[in-house]
Amino acid sequence: MVRPFLINLVLSLVAGLTGTPLSADDARVRVQNIFYRTDVETPTSVMQEKCRLDISCPAGENRFATIVWFHGGGLTSGQRSIPWELERSGIGVVAASYRLHPDVSAPAYIEDAAAAIAWTVKHIEEYGGTADRIVISGHSAGGYLAAMTSFDKKYLQAFGVDADSLAGVAPISGQMITHFTIRKENGIEDTRPVIDGYAPLNHIRSDSSPLLLVTGDREQELLGRYEENAYTWRMLKQLKHPDVTLHELGGYDHGQMVHPAFPLLLNFVDRVTAVDRTSRR
């Protein structure tokens, strides 16, 4: 096994080129502020500011599982952070931020998320992880981005990544119809459900990666958030998807439900990253 201090040294050198080292100890290595839109020759100032990610990974370990985590905020606010429940679990965590409305409009948010996922797929081995043990997740708008980038394969294909190679996808109270901010961009009111090209539900496939759907209490969630996820679950079942699970966290509203969802997410990660993807076909 490679000794932790050697891993830390290497990551410090890498961070000097691509980001800022936060800290390193015998348990975790943390690197901050890595720019992931390296595909753009002349990035805008907004892209330079927002298209960044932070990494926290177990030191001295190889082939660890990784969660790519997208923050919520309605595509209009929020900032990246690494949830402590995920960091203390012993897996790798990549927290990515992305450009926000009104600086940009759809599909920029989805393209940024896809770029962050692709960066992780292509670079996580440099930190001790492996590309075949990556799960995509996020809360609220972050859950929407996780769903869109995995269901509509064109976004990751643009970066040379097959969405179906992801070990799993776990939207936490993610919108499954067209996101309300994108509807507002097109003059569509919140209460009008739309399933168009920007709706994850419009792109569901029987052969997509294993899926975990989690929402808060249907009577306390945003608009029809539980029902959107329940319908997605049902339609995937109709398509004979082999691995899709839905959880409703009774008694928790949209904001409260994220922390009780983490044990479900971590159990999901353990399960799907322990199985060879080819065995599910």
C-alpha atoms as a PDB file:
ATOM      1  CA  MET A   1       0.000   0.000   0.000  1.00  0.00           C
ATOM      2  CA  VAL A   2       1.230   3.493  -0.821  1.00  0.00           C
ATOM      3  CA  ARG A   3       1.929   5.397   2.373  1.00  0.00           C
ATOM      4  CA  PRO A   4      -0.426   8.317   3.147  1.00  0.00           C
ATOM      5  CA  PHE A   5       2.354  10.896   3.304  1.00  0.00           C
ATOM      6  CA  LEU A   6       3.404  10.029  -0.269  1.00  0.00           C
ATOM      7  CA  ILE A   7      -0.193  10.412  -1.467  1.00  0.00           C
ATOM      8  CA  ASN A   8      -0.378  13.761   0.304  1.00  0.00           C
ATOM      9  CA  LEU A   9       2.854  14.922  -1.309  1.00  0.00           C
ATOM     10  CA  VAL A  10       1.710  13.983  -4.787  1.00  0.00           C
ATOM     11  CA  LEU A  11      -1.668  15.647  -4.308  1.00  0.00           C
ATOM     12  CA  SER A  12       0.001  18.797  -3.038  1.00  0.00           C
ATOM     13  CA  LEU A  13       2.056  18.932  -6.229  1.00  0.00           C
ATOM     14  CA  VAL A  14      -1.030  18.310  -8.359  1.00  0.00           C
ATOM     15  CA  ALA A  15      -2.937  20.975  -6.444  1.00  0.00           C
ATOM     16  CA  GLY A  16      -0.183  23.444  -7.180  1.00  0.00           C
ATOM     17  CA  LEU A  17      -1.131  23.128 -10.835  1.00  0.00           C
ATOM     18  CA  THR A  18      -4.904  22.725 -10.648  1.00  0.00           C
ATOM     19  CA  GLY A  19      -6.186  23.880  -7.272  1.00  0.00           C
ATOM     20  CA  THR A  20      -5.421  24.790  -3.673  1.00  0.00           C
ATOM     21  CA  PRO A  21      -4.633  22.165  -1.020  1.00  0.00           C
ATOM     22  CA  LEU A  22      -6.947  22.592   1.978  1.00  0.00           C
ATOM     23  CA  SER A  23      -5.435  20.080   4.357  1.00  0.00           C
ATOM     24  CA  ALA A  24      -3.939  16.625   4.512  1.00  0.00           C
ATOM     25  CA  ASP A  25      -3.754  14.186   7.398  1.00  0.00           C
ATOM     26  CA  ASP A  26      -3.619  10.431   7.917  1.00  0.00           C
ATOM     27  CA  ALA A  27      -7.332  10.107   7.149  1.00  0.00           C
ATOM     28  CA  ARG A  28      -8.226  12.523   4.329  1.00  0.00           C
ATOM     29  CA  VAL A  29      -6.643  14.550   1.567  1.00  0.00           C
ATOM     30  CA  ARG A  30      -8.467  17.703   0.504  1.00  0.00           C
ATOM     31  CA  VAL A  31      -7.898  19.850  -2.571  1.00  0.00           C
ATOM     32  CA  GLN A  32      -9.937  22.966  -3.301  1.00  0.00           C
ATOM     33  CA  ASN A  33     -10.893  25.193  -6.195  1.00  0.00           C
ATOM     34  CA  ILE A  34     -10.007  23.048  -9.213  1.00  0.00           C
ATOM     35  CA  PHE A  35     -11.205  24.527 -12.519  1.00  0.00           C
ATOM     36  CA  TYR A  36     -13.013  21.834 -14.503  1.00  0.00           C
ATOM     37  CA  ARG A  37     -14.086  23.592 -17.731  1.00  0.00           C
ATOM     38  CA  THR A  38     -10.726  22.975 -19.350  1.00  0.00           C
ATOM     39  CA  ASP A  39     -12.572  22.212 -22.588  1.00  0.00           C
ATOM     40  CA  VAL A  40     -13.204  25.937 -23.114  1.00  0.00           C
ATOM     41  CA  GLU A  41     -10.348  27.823 -24.773  1.00  0.00           C
ATOM     42  CA  THR A  42     -11.355  31.247 -23.437  1.00  0.00           C
ATOM     43  CA  PRO A  43     -13.578  30.839 -20.365  1.00  0.00           C
ATOM     44  CA  THR A  44     -15.638  33.816 -19.242  1.00  0.00           C
ATOM     45  CA  SER A  45     -15.097  35.426 -15.859  1.00  0.00           C
ATOM     46  CA  VAL A  46     -18.308  33.803 -14.577  1.00  0.00           C
ATOM     47  CA  MET A  47     -17.097  30.420 -15.764  1.00  0.00           C
ATOM     48  CA  GLN A  48     -13.717  30.992 -14.140  1.00  0.00           C
ATOM     49  CA  GLU A  49     -15.462  31.771 -10.855  1.00  0.00           C
ATOM     50  CA  LYS A  50     -18.218  29.149 -10.793  1.00  0.00           C
ATOM     51  CA  CYS A  51     -16.877  26.132 -12.684  1.00  0.00           C
ATOM     52  CA  ARG A  52     -14.814  24.866  -9.771  1.00  0.00           C
ATOM     53  CA  LEU A  53     -14.774  21.754  -7.636  1.00  0.00           C
ATOM     54  CA  ASP A  54     -13.354  20.575  -4.314  1.00  0.00           C
ATOM     55  CA  ILE A  55     -12.136  17.065  -3.572  1.00  0.00           C
ATOM     56  CA  SER A  56     -11.965  15.184  -0.284  1.00  0.00           C
ATOM     57  CA  CYS A  57     -10.667  11.632  -0.470  1.00  0.00           C
ATOM     58  CA  PRO A  58      -9.304   8.937   1.842  1.00  0.00           C
ATOM     59  CA  ALA A  59      -5.527   9.088   2.035  1.00  0.00           C
ATOM     60  CA  GLY A  60      -3.462   6.058   1.149  1.00  0.00           C
ATOM     61  CA  GLU A  61      -6.323   4.093  -0.405  1.00  0.00           C
ATOM     62  CA  ASN A  62      -6.807   2.846  -3.935  1.00  0.00           C
ATOM     63  CA  ARG A  63      -9.969   2.318  -5.997  1.00  0.00           C
ATOM     64  CA  PHE A  64     -12.246   4.037  -3.491  1.00  0.00           C
ATOM     65  CA  ALA A  65     -15.826   4.902  -4.470  1.00  0.00           C
ATOM     66  CA  THR A  66     -16.615   8.564  -5.199  1.00  0.00           C
ATOM     67  CA  ILE A  67     -19.748  10.696  -4.979  1.00  0.00           C
ATOM     68  CA  VAL A  68     -20.001  13.749  -7.226  1.00  0.00           C
ATOM     69  CA  TRP A  69     -22.218  16.136  -5.253  1.00  0.00           C
ATOM     70  CA  PHE A  70     -24.120  19.113  -6.705  1.00  0.00           C
ATOM     71  CA  HIS A  71     -25.568  21.778  -4.415  1.00  0.00           C
ATOM     72  CA  GLY A  72     -29.146  23.005  -4.481  1.00  0.00           C
ATOM     73  CA  GLY A  73     -30.516  26.535  -4.745  1.00  0.00           C
ATOM     74  CA  GLY A  74     -33.009  26.509  -7.596  1.00  0.00           C
ATOM     75  CA  LEU A  75     -30.293  27.063 -10.244  1.00  0.00           C
ATOM     76  CA  THR A  76     -30.193  30.677  -9.003  1.00  0.00           C
ATOM     77  CA  SER A  77     -28.154  30.474  -5.778  1.00  0.00           C
ATOM     78  CA  GLY A  78     -26.080  28.195  -3.568  1.00  0.00           C
ATOM     79  CA  GLN A  79     -22.455  27.215  -3.432  1.00  0.00           C
ATOM     80  CA  ARG A  80     -20.514  23.995  -3.374  1.00  0.00           C
ATOM     81  CA  SER A  81     -19.699  22.284  -0.100  1.00  0.00           C
ATOM     82  CA  ILE A  82     -18.825  18.757   0.992  1.00  0.00           C
ATOM     83  CA  PRO A  83     -21.478  17.381   3.366  1.00  0.00           C
ATOM     84  CA  TRP A  84     -19.823  16.120   6.530  1.00  0.00           C
ATOM     85  CA  GLU A  85     -21.958  12.966   6.509  1.00  0.00           C
ATOM     86  CA  LEU A  86     -20.373  12.007   3.189  1.00  0.00           C
ATOM     87  CA  GLU A  87     -16.843  13.048   4.054  1.00  0.00           C
ATOM     88  CA  ARG A  88     -16.702  10.992   7.241  1.00  0.00           C
ATOM     89  CA  SER A  89     -17.923   7.869   5.438  1.00  0.00           C
ATOM     90  CA  GLY A  90     -14.529   6.890   4.050  1.00  0.00           C
ATOM     91  CA  ILE A  91     -15.317   7.449   0.361  1.00  0.00           C
ATOM     92  CA  GLY A  92     -14.198  10.155  -2.034  1.00  0.00           C
ATOM     93  CA  VAL A  93     -16.390  13.236  -2.468  1.00  0.00           C
ATOM     94  CA  VAL A  94     -16.246  15.777  -5.290  1.00  0.00           C
ATOM     95  CA  ALA A  95     -18.361  18.896  -4.675  1.00  0.00           C
ATOM     96  CA  ALA A  96     -18.918  20.969  -7.798  1.00  0.00           C
ATOM     97  CA  SER A  97     -20.396  24.423  -8.296  1.00  0.00           C
ATOM     98  CA  TYR A  98     -21.808  25.655 -11.604  1.00  0.00           C
ATOM     99  CA  ARG A  99     -22.966  28.839 -13.284  1.00  0.00           C
ATOM    100  CA  LEU A 100     -26.304  30.221 -12.136  1.00  0.00           C
ATOM    101  CA  HIS A 101     -29.285  32.175 -13.464  1.00  0.00           C
ATOM    102  CA  PRO A 102     -29.389  35.062 -14.420  1.00  0.00           C
ATOM    103  CA  ASP A 103     -25.741  34.944 -15.519  1.00  0.00           C
ATOM    104  CA  VAL A 104     -26.631  32.027 -17.785  1.00  0.00           C
ATOM    105  CA  SER A 105     -29.713  30.098 -18.866  1.00  0.00           C
ATOM    106  CA  ALA A 106     -30.399  26.511 -19.845  1.00  0.00           C
ATOM    107  CA  PRO A 107     -28.618  24.380 -20.890  1.00  0.00           C
ATOM    108  CA  ALA A 108     -25.504  25.993 -19.357  1.00  0.00           C
ATOM    109  CA  TYR A 109     -26.193  24.555 -15.887  1.00  0.00           C
ATOM    110  CA  ILE A 110     -26.489  21.029 -17.260  1.00  0.00           C
ATOM    111  CA  GLU A 111     -23.398  21.402 -19.437  1.00  0.00           C
ATOM    112  CA  ASP A 112     -21.370  22.548 -16.430  1.00  0.00           C
ATOM    113  CA  ALA A 113     -22.569  19.584 -14.377  1.00  0.00           C
ATOM    114  CA  ALA A 114     -21.642  17.219 -17.208  1.00  0.00           C
ATOM    115  CA  ALA A 115     -18.197  18.796 -17.443  1.00  0.00           C
ATOM    116  CA  ALA A 116     -17.648  18.318 -13.696  1.00  0.00           C
ATOM    117  CA  ILE A 117     -18.700  14.666 -13.909  1.00  0.00           C
ATOM    118  CA  ALA A 118     -16.467  14.084 -16.927  1.00  0.00           C
ATOM    119  CA  TRP A 119     -13.533  15.724 -15.139  1.00  0.00           C
ATOM    120  CA  THR A 120     -14.062  13.348 -12.230  1.00  0.00           C
ATOM    121  CA  VAL A 121     -14.289  10.288 -14.487  1.00  0.00           C
ATOM    122  CA  LYS A 122     -11.038  11.261 -16.219  1.00  0.00           C
ATOM    123  CA  HIS A 123      -9.047  12.421 -13.176  1.00  0.00           C
ATOM    124  CA  ILE A 124     -10.208  10.584 -10.050  1.00  0.00           C
ATOM    125  CA  GLU A 125      -7.575   7.872 -10.529  1.00  0.00           C
ATOM    126  CA  GLU A 126      -4.920  10.532  -9.942  1.00  0.00           C
ATOM    127  CA  TYR A 127      -6.285  10.800  -6.403  1.00  0.00           C
ATOM    128  CA  GLY A 128      -6.601   7.066  -5.747  1.00  0.00           C
ATOM    129  CA  GLY A 129     -10.173   6.530  -6.925  1.00  0.00           C
ATOM    130  CA  THR A 130     -11.474   4.673  -9.947  1.00  0.00           C
ATOM    131  CA  ALA A 131     -13.767   5.712 -12.777  1.00  0.00           C
ATOM    132  CA  ASP A 132     -16.014   2.654 -12.470  1.00  0.00           C
ATOM    133  CA  ARG A 133     -17.073   3.465  -8.891  1.00  0.00           C
ATOM    134  CA  ILE A 134     -18.595   6.936  -9.327  1.00  0.00           C
ATOM    135  CA  VAL A 135     -22.093   7.872  -8.137  1.00  0.00           C
ATOM    136  CA  ILE A 136     -23.737  11.177  -9.087  1.00  0.00           C
ATOM    137  CA  SER A 137     -25.940  12.916  -6.541  1.00  0.00           C
ATOM    138  CA  GLY A 138     -27.154  16.264  -5.271  1.00  0.00           C
ATOM    139  CA  HIS A 139     -30.022  17.936  -3.463  1.00  0.00           C
ATOM    140  CA  SER A 140     -32.892  19.810  -5.125  1.00  0.00           C
ATOM    141  CA  ALA A 141     -31.438  21.627  -8.165  1.00  0.00           C
ATOM    142  CA  GLY A 142     -28.362  19.454  -7.681  1.00  0.00           C
ATOM    143  CA  GLY A 143     -30.560  16.384  -7.878  1.00  0.00           C
ATOM    144  CA  TYR A 144     -32.098  17.728 -11.079  1.00  0.00           C
ATOM    145  CA  LEU A 145     -28.616  18.112 -12.587  1.00  0.00           C
ATOM    146  CA  ALA A 146     -27.668  14.588 -11.526  1.00  0.00           C
ATOM    147  CA  ALA A 147     -30.793  13.221 -13.207  1.00  0.00           C
ATOM    148  CA  MET A 148     -30.480  15.252 -16.410  1.00  0.00           C
ATOM    149  CA  THR A 149     -26.839  14.408 -17.013  1.00  0.00           C
ATOM    150  CA  SER A 150     -27.444  10.707 -16.499  1.00  0.00           C
ATOM    151  CA  PHE A 151     -30.778  10.324 -18.327  1.00  0.00           C
ATOM    152  CA  ASP A 152     -30.056  12.509 -21.383  1.00  0.00           C
ATOM    153  CA  LYS A 153     -26.844  10.947 -22.634  1.00  0.00           C
ATOM    154  CA  LYS A 154     -25.886  13.788 -24.988  1.00  0.00           C
ATOM    155  CA  TYR A 155     -24.519  15.987 -22.191  1.00  0.00           C
ATOM    156  CA  LEU A 156     -21.838  13.537 -21.069  1.00  0.00           C
ATOM    157  CA  GLN A 157     -21.254  12.313 -24.615  1.00  0.00           C
ATOM    158  CA  ALA A 158     -20.082  15.843 -25.446  1.00  0.00           C
ATOM    159  CA  PHE A 159     -17.203  15.204 -23.038  1.00  0.00           C
ATOM    160  CA  GLY A 160     -16.460  11.684 -24.193  1.00  0.00           C
ATOM    161  CA  VAL A 161     -18.187   9.904 -21.298  1.00  0.00           C
ATOM    162  CA  ASP A 162     -20.943   7.294 -21.488  1.00  0.00           C
ATOM    163  CA  ALA A 163     -23.620   8.130 -18.903  1.00  0.00           C
ATOM    164  CA  ASP A 164     -24.374   4.440 -18.476  1.00  0.00           C
ATOM    165  CA  SER A 165     -20.839   3.842 -17.197  1.00  0.00           C
ATOM    166  CA  LEU A 166     -21.751   5.611 -13.942  1.00  0.00           C
ATOM    167  CA  ALA A 167     -22.091   3.204 -11.037  1.00  0.00           C
ATOM    168  CA  GLY A 168     -25.265   4.920  -9.859  1.00  0.00           C
ATOM    169  CA  VAL A 169     -27.356   8.078  -9.799  1.00  0.00           C
ATOM    170  CA  ALA A 170     -29.097   9.371  -6.677  1.00  0.00           C
ATOM    171  CA  PRO A 171     -31.154  12.585  -7.011  1.00  0.00           C
ATOM    172  CA  ILE A 172     -32.142  13.828  -3.541  1.00  0.00           C
ATOM    173  CA  SER A 173     -35.471  15.641  -3.982  1.00  0.00           C
ATOM    174  CA  GLY A 174     -34.547  16.393  -7.572  1.00  0.00           C
ATOM    175  CA  GLN A 175     -37.040  17.796 -10.041  1.00  0.00           C
ATOM    176  CA  MET A 176     -38.048  15.186 -12.614  1.00  0.00           C
ATOM    177  CA  ILE A 177     -40.141  17.471 -14.807  1.00  0.00           C
ATOM    178  CA  THR A 178     -38.629  20.594 -16.369  1.00  0.00           C
ATOM    179  CA  HIS A 179     -36.951  22.615 -13.634  1.00  0.00           C
ATOM    180  CA  PHE A 180     -38.988  25.585 -12.450  1.00  0.00           C
ATOM    181  CA  THR A 181     -36.192  28.093 -13.166  1.00  0.00           C
ATOM    182  CA  ILE A 182     -35.932  26.851 -16.743  1.00  0.00           C
ATOM    183  CA  ARG A 183     -39.713  27.108 -17.037  1.00  0.00           C
ATOM    184  CA  LYS A 184     -39.518  30.708 -15.788  1.00  0.00           C
ATOM    185  CA  GLU A 185     -36.866  31.425 -18.425  1.00  0.00           C
ATOM    186  CA  ASN A 186     -39.493  30.412 -20.969  1.00  0.00           C
ATOM    187  CA  GLY A 187     -42.455  32.188 -19.358  1.00  0.00           C
ATOM    188  CA  ILE A 188     -44.041  29.030 -17.942  1.00  0.00           C
ATOM    189  CA  GLU A 189     -45.530  29.277 -14.457  1.00  0.00           C
ATOM    190  CA  ASP A 190     -44.515  27.076 -11.529  1.00  0.00           C
ATOM    191  CA  THR A 191     -47.786  25.213 -11.315  1.00  0.00           C
ATOM    192  CA  ARG A 192     -47.825  24.160 -14.962  1.00  0.00           C
ATOM    193  CA  PRO A 193     -46.082  20.773 -15.213  1.00  0.00           C
ATOM    194  CA  VAL A 194     -43.925  20.502 -18.318  1.00  0.00           C
ATOM    195  CA  ILE A 195     -42.096  17.458 -19.626  1.00  0.00           C
ATOM    196  CA  ASP A 196     -39.933  18.698 -22.503  1.00  0.00           C
ATOM    197  CA  GLY A 197     -36.291  18.301 -23.487  1.00  0.00           C
ATOM    198  CA  TYR A 198     -35.203  19.737 -20.136  1.00  0.00           C
ATOM    199  CA  ALA A 199     -37.178  17.198 -18.106  1.00  0.00           C
ATOM    200  CA  PRO A 200     -35.263  14.161 -16.819  1.00  0.00           C
ATOM    201  CA  LEU A 201     -38.540  12.220 -17.049  1.00  0.00           C
ATOM    202  CA  ASN A 202     -38.505  12.731 -20.825  1.00  0.00           C
ATOM    203  CA  HIS A 203     -35.247  10.793 -21.159  1.00  0.00           C
ATOM    204  CA  ILE A 204     -35.735   7.750 -18.934  1.00  0.00           C
ATOM    205  CA  ARG A 205     -34.281   4.499 -20.291  1.00  0.00           C
ATOM    206  CA  SER A 206     -34.408   0.901 -19.162  1.00  0.00           C
ATOM    207  CA  ASP A 207     -30.625   0.577 -19.490  1.00  0.00           C
ATOM    208  CA  SER A 208     -29.574   3.618 -17.449  1.00  0.00           C
ATOM    209  CA  SER A 209     -27.441   3.312 -14.321  1.00  0.00           C
ATOM    210  CA  PRO A 210     -28.946   2.117 -11.013  1.00  0.00           C
ATOM    211  CA  LEU A 211     -31.144   4.847  -9.585  1.00  0.00           C
ATOM    212  CA  LEU A 212     -32.047   5.968  -6.080  1.00  0.00           C
ATOM    213  CA  LEU A 213     -34.874   8.508  -5.752  1.00  0.00           C
ATOM    214  CA  VAL A 214     -35.454  10.172  -2.370  1.00  0.00           C
ATOM    215  CA  THR A 215     -37.972  12.892  -1.487  1.00  0.00           C
ATOM    216  CA  GLY A 216     -39.423  14.473   1.610  1.00  0.00           C
ATOM    217  CA  ASP A 217     -42.993  14.059   2.806  1.00  0.00           C
ATOM    218  CA  ARG A 218     -45.419  14.505  -0.105  1.00  0.00           C
ATOM    219  CA  GLU A 219     -47.519  16.920   1.979  1.00  0.00           C
ATOM    220  CA  GLN A 220     -44.510  19.068   2.900  1.00  0.00           C
ATOM    221  CA  GLU A 221     -42.379  18.955  -0.258  1.00  0.00           C
ATOM    222  CA  LEU A 222     -42.140  21.641  -2.954  1.00  0.00           C
ATOM    223  CA  LEU A 223     -45.126  21.584  -5.322  1.00  0.00           C
ATOM    224  CA  GLY A 224     -45.403  18.024  -6.665  1.00  0.00           C
ATOM    225  CA  ARG A 225     -41.833  16.898  -5.992  1.00  0.00           C
ATOM    226  CA  TYR A 226     -42.784  13.531  -4.497  1.00  0.00           C
ATOM    227  CA  GLU A 227     -45.300  12.806  -7.268  1.00  0.00           C
ATOM    228  CA  GLU A 228     -42.730  13.640  -9.981  1.00  0.00           C
ATOM    229  CA  ASN A 229     -40.296  11.158  -8.494  1.00  0.00           C
ATOM    230  CA  ALA A 230     -42.996   8.553  -7.930  1.00  0.00           C
ATOM    231  CA  TYR A 231     -44.079   8.806 -11.565  1.00  0.00           C
ATOM    232  CA  THR A 232     -40.464   8.493 -12.706  1.00  0.00           C
ATOM    233  CA  TRP A 233     -40.105   5.379 -10.543  1.00  0.00           C
ATOM    234  CA  ARG A 234     -43.305   3.908 -11.949  1.00  0.00           C
ATOM    235  CA  MET A 235     -42.384   4.545 -15.576  1.00  0.00           C
ATOM    236  CA  LEU A 236     -38.927   3.042 -15.086  1.00  0.00           C
ATOM    237  CA  LYS A 237     -40.612   0.000 -13.592  1.00  0.00           C
ATOM    238  CA  GLN A 238     -42.849  -0.171 -16.669  1.00  0.00           C
ATOM    239  CA  LEU A 239     -39.702  -0.063 -18.814  1.00  0.00           C
ATOM    240  CA  LYS A 240     -38.318  -3.021 -16.797  1.00  0.00           C
ATOM    241  CA  HIS A 241     -35.430  -1.011 -15.388  1.00  0.00           C
ATOM    242  CA  PRO A 242     -33.608  -3.543 -13.176  1.00  0.00           C
ATOM    243  CA  ASP A 243     -32.530  -1.260 -10.351  1.00  0.00           C
ATOM    244  CA  VAL A 244     -34.628   1.731  -9.296  1.00  0.00           C
ATOM    245  CA  THR A 245     -35.709   2.553  -5.734  1.00  0.00           C
ATOM    246  CA  LEU A 246     -37.956   5.296  -4.342  1.00  0.00           C
ATOM    247  CA  HIS A 247     -38.019   6.538  -0.728  1.00  0.00           C
ATOM    248  CA  GLU A 248     -40.404   9.097   0.776  1.00  0.00           C
ATOM    249  CA  LEU A 249     -39.112  10.509   4.074  1.00  0.00           C
ATOM    250  CA  GLY A 250     -42.291  11.121   6.048  1.00  0.00           C
ATOM    251  CA  GLY A 251     -42.353  14.156   8.314  1.00  0.00           C
ATOM    252  CA  TYR A 252     -39.532  16.014   6.534  1.00  0.00           C
ATOM    253  CA  ASP A 253     -39.973  18.998   4.252  1.00  0.00           C
ATOM    254  CA  HIS A 254     -37.814  19.867   1.234  1.00  0.00           C
ATOM    255  CA  GLY A 255     -34.989  21.447   3.212  1.00  0.00           C
ATOM    256  CA  GLN A 256     -35.077  19.088   6.181  1.00  0.00           C
ATOM    257  CA  MET A 257     -34.998  15.839   4.204  1.00  0.00           C
ATOM    258  CA  VAL A 258     -31.437  16.021   2.895  1.00  0.00           C
ATOM    259  CA  HIS A 259     -29.659  14.940   6.095  1.00  0.00           C
ATOM    260  CA  PRO A 260     -31.931  11.922   6.765  1.00  0.00           C
ATOM    261  CA  ALA A 261     -31.348  10.950   3.124  1.00  0.00           C
ATOM    262  CA  PHE A 262     -27.576  10.535   3.513  1.00  0.00           C
ATOM    263  CA  PRO A 263     -27.705   7.046   5.114  1.00  0.00           C
ATOM    264  CA  LEU A 264     -29.860   5.884   2.187  1.00  0.00           C
ATOM    265  CA  LEU A 265     -27.378   7.427  -0.244  1.00  0.00           C
ATOM    266  CA  LEU A 266     -24.367   5.817   1.418  1.00  0.00           C
ATOM    267  CA  ASN A 267     -26.026   2.396   1.499  1.00  0.00           C
ATOM    268  CA  PHE A 268     -26.804   2.816  -2.195  1.00  0.00           C
ATOM    269  CA  VAL A 269     -23.193   3.754  -2.951  1.00  0.00           C
ATOM    270  CA  ASP A 270     -21.901   0.731  -1.061  1.00  0.00           C
ATOM    271  CA  ARG A 271     -24.210  -1.576  -2.974  1.00  0.00           C
ATOM    272  CA  VAL A 272     -23.771  -0.301  -6.531  1.00  0.00           C
ATOM    273  CA  THR A 273     -20.016   0.210  -6.322  1.00  0.00           C
ATOM    274  CA  ALA A 274     -19.516  -3.322  -5.021  1.00  0.00           C
ATOM    275  CA  VAL A 275     -20.999  -4.875  -8.170  1.00  0.00           C
ATOM    276  CA  ASP A 276     -19.385  -5.078 -11.604  1.00  0.00           C
ATOM    277  CA  ARG A 277     -21.508  -2.959 -13.977  1.00  0.00           C
ATOM    278  CA  THR A 278     -21.250  -5.593 -16.712  1.00  0.00           C
ATOM    279  CA  SER A 279     -23.086  -8.095 -14.504  1.00  0.00           C
ATOM    280  CA  ARG A 280     -26.206  -5.892 -14.587  1.00  0.00           C
ATOM    281  CA  ARG A 281     -26.631  -6.123 -18.355  1.00  0.00           C
END
